[in-house]
Amino acid sequence: MNIKPRKNSFPFYAVFILAFFTQYMEFKVQEKLQEIDVTGLACPLPLLKAKVALRDLQSGEQLKVLVTDAASVRDFAVFAELSGNTLISSTQEGELYIHILQKA
């Protein structure tokens, strides 16, 4: 019996390669993501602490900021625009706001 693979079939081993590559990339992203917890602090302290933390980062590294102050959504958007850094995301989980900044 002569079995020929289909022309457009996806190689089975490629699934393992993709899984490994995906895990490796997630590890690299987490490695470059610093985190500060400024929950409980009111404006402008979360932004000031984030600004200080950004000073210690290299260009391209990311900072995850955990905040409970609702005004931080506006503050971090304006700060990113004025400072030249990139606001990757601003999300809300219950009363917690999570901002991810990337240093320019």
Protein backbone atom coordinates (compact mmCIF):
# COMPACT_ATOMS: atom_id res chain seq x y z
CA MET A 1 0.00 0.00 0.00
CA ASN A 2 1.44 3.34 -1.06
CA ILE A 3 0.15 6.27 1.04
CA LYS A 4 0.94 9.75 -0.21
CA PRO A 5 0.51 12.83 1.94
CA ARG A 6 -1.94 15.41 0.71
CA LYS A 7 -0.33 18.33 -1.06
CA ASN A 8 -1.70 21.05 1.21
CA SER A 9 -1.56 19.15 4.49
CA PHE A 10 -0.03 20.86 7.51
CA PRO A 11 2.97 18.89 8.83
CA PHE A 12 2.19 17.33 12.20
CA TYR A 13 5.55 18.34 13.72
CA ALA A 14 4.85 21.99 12.92
CA VAL A 15 2.27 22.04 15.72
CA PHE A 16 5.00 21.24 18.24
CA ILE A 17 7.33 23.84 16.77
CA LEU A 18 4.60 26.50 16.93
CA ALA A 19 3.73 25.55 20.52
CA PHE A 20 7.38 25.81 21.58
CA PHE A 21 7.87 29.13 19.78
CA THR A 22 4.72 30.58 21.34
CA GLN A 23 5.83 29.59 24.85
CA TYR A 24 9.31 30.98 24.22
CA MET A 25 7.94 34.32 23.00
CA GLU A 26 5.57 34.62 25.99
CA PHE A 27 8.53 34.02 28.31
CA LYS A 28 10.56 36.74 26.58
CA VAL A 29 7.67 39.22 26.84
CA GLN A 30 7.21 38.47 30.55
CA GLU A 31 10.95 38.80 31.09
CA LYS A 32 10.88 42.41 29.85
CA LEU A 33 7.69 43.39 31.71
CA GLN A 34 8.31 45.17 35.01
CA GLU A 35 5.39 45.64 37.41
CA ILE A 36 4.59 48.17 40.10
CA ASP A 37 1.61 48.08 42.44
CA VAL A 38 0.37 51.54 43.39
CA THR A 39 -3.09 50.47 44.51
CA GLY A 40 -4.59 52.70 47.17
CA LEU A 41 -2.68 55.78 46.04
CA ALA A 42 -4.56 58.79 44.66
CA CYS A 43 -3.67 61.06 41.76
CA PRO A 44 -0.93 62.12 41.00
CA LEU A 45 1.10 59.55 43.00
CA PRO A 46 0.49 56.52 40.72
CA LEU A 47 1.70 58.50 37.71
CA LEU A 48 4.75 59.86 39.55
CA LYS A 49 5.77 56.38 40.73
CA ALA A 50 5.33 55.04 37.18
CA LYS A 51 7.48 57.87 35.83
CA VAL A 52 10.26 57.00 38.30
CA ALA A 53 10.00 53.29 37.41
CA LEU A 54 10.22 54.08 33.69
CA ARG A 55 13.55 55.82 34.25
CA ASP A 56 15.13 52.49 35.21
CA LEU A 57 13.92 50.72 32.06
CA GLN A 58 15.67 50.40 28.72
CA SER A 59 14.00 51.53 25.51
CA GLY A 60 11.39 48.99 24.42
CA GLU A 61 10.87 47.51 27.88
CA GLN A 62 7.40 47.57 29.37
CA LEU A 63 5.98 48.62 32.71
CA LYS A 64 2.76 47.19 34.12
CA VAL A 65 1.09 49.53 36.61
CA LEU A 66 -1.68 48.34 38.96
CA VAL A 67 -3.86 51.26 40.09
CA THR A 68 -7.17 51.74 41.93
CA ASP A 69 -7.62 55.44 41.09
CA ALA A 70 -10.16 55.87 38.26
CA ALA A 71 -8.52 59.14 37.17
CA SER A 72 -5.45 57.12 36.17
CA VAL A 73 -7.10 56.16 32.87
CA ARG A 74 -6.98 59.76 31.67
CA ASP A 75 -3.68 60.51 33.42
CA PHE A 76 -1.75 57.64 31.83
CA ALA A 77 -3.12 58.39 28.34
CA VAL A 78 -2.05 62.04 28.56
CA PHE A 79 1.30 61.14 30.13
CA ALA A 80 2.12 58.68 27.34
CA GLU A 81 1.25 61.22 24.68
CA LEU A 82 3.31 64.00 26.26
CA SER A 83 6.31 61.86 27.25
CA GLY A 84 6.69 59.98 23.97
CA ASN A 85 6.21 56.61 25.66
CA THR A 86 3.55 54.23 24.33
CA LEU A 87 0.46 53.25 26.28
CA ILE A 88 0.09 49.63 25.17
CA SER A 89 -3.16 49.02 27.05
CA SER A 90 -5.44 50.27 29.78
CA THR A 91 -7.86 47.71 31.15
CA GLN A 92 -10.17 47.48 34.12
CA GLU A 93 -10.75 44.39 36.24
CA GLY A 94 -13.32 45.27 38.88
CA GLU A 95 -11.90 48.23 40.79
CA LEU A 96 -8.37 47.59 39.51
CA TYR A 97 -6.99 49.49 36.53
CA ILE A 98 -4.05 47.95 34.69
CA HIS A 99 -1.90 50.13 32.47
CA ILE A 100 0.97 48.84 30.37
CA LEU A 101 3.49 51.41 29.16
CA GLN A 102 6.39 50.86 26.80
CA LYS A 103 9.41 53.08 27.19
CA ALA A 104 10.37 55.04 24.10
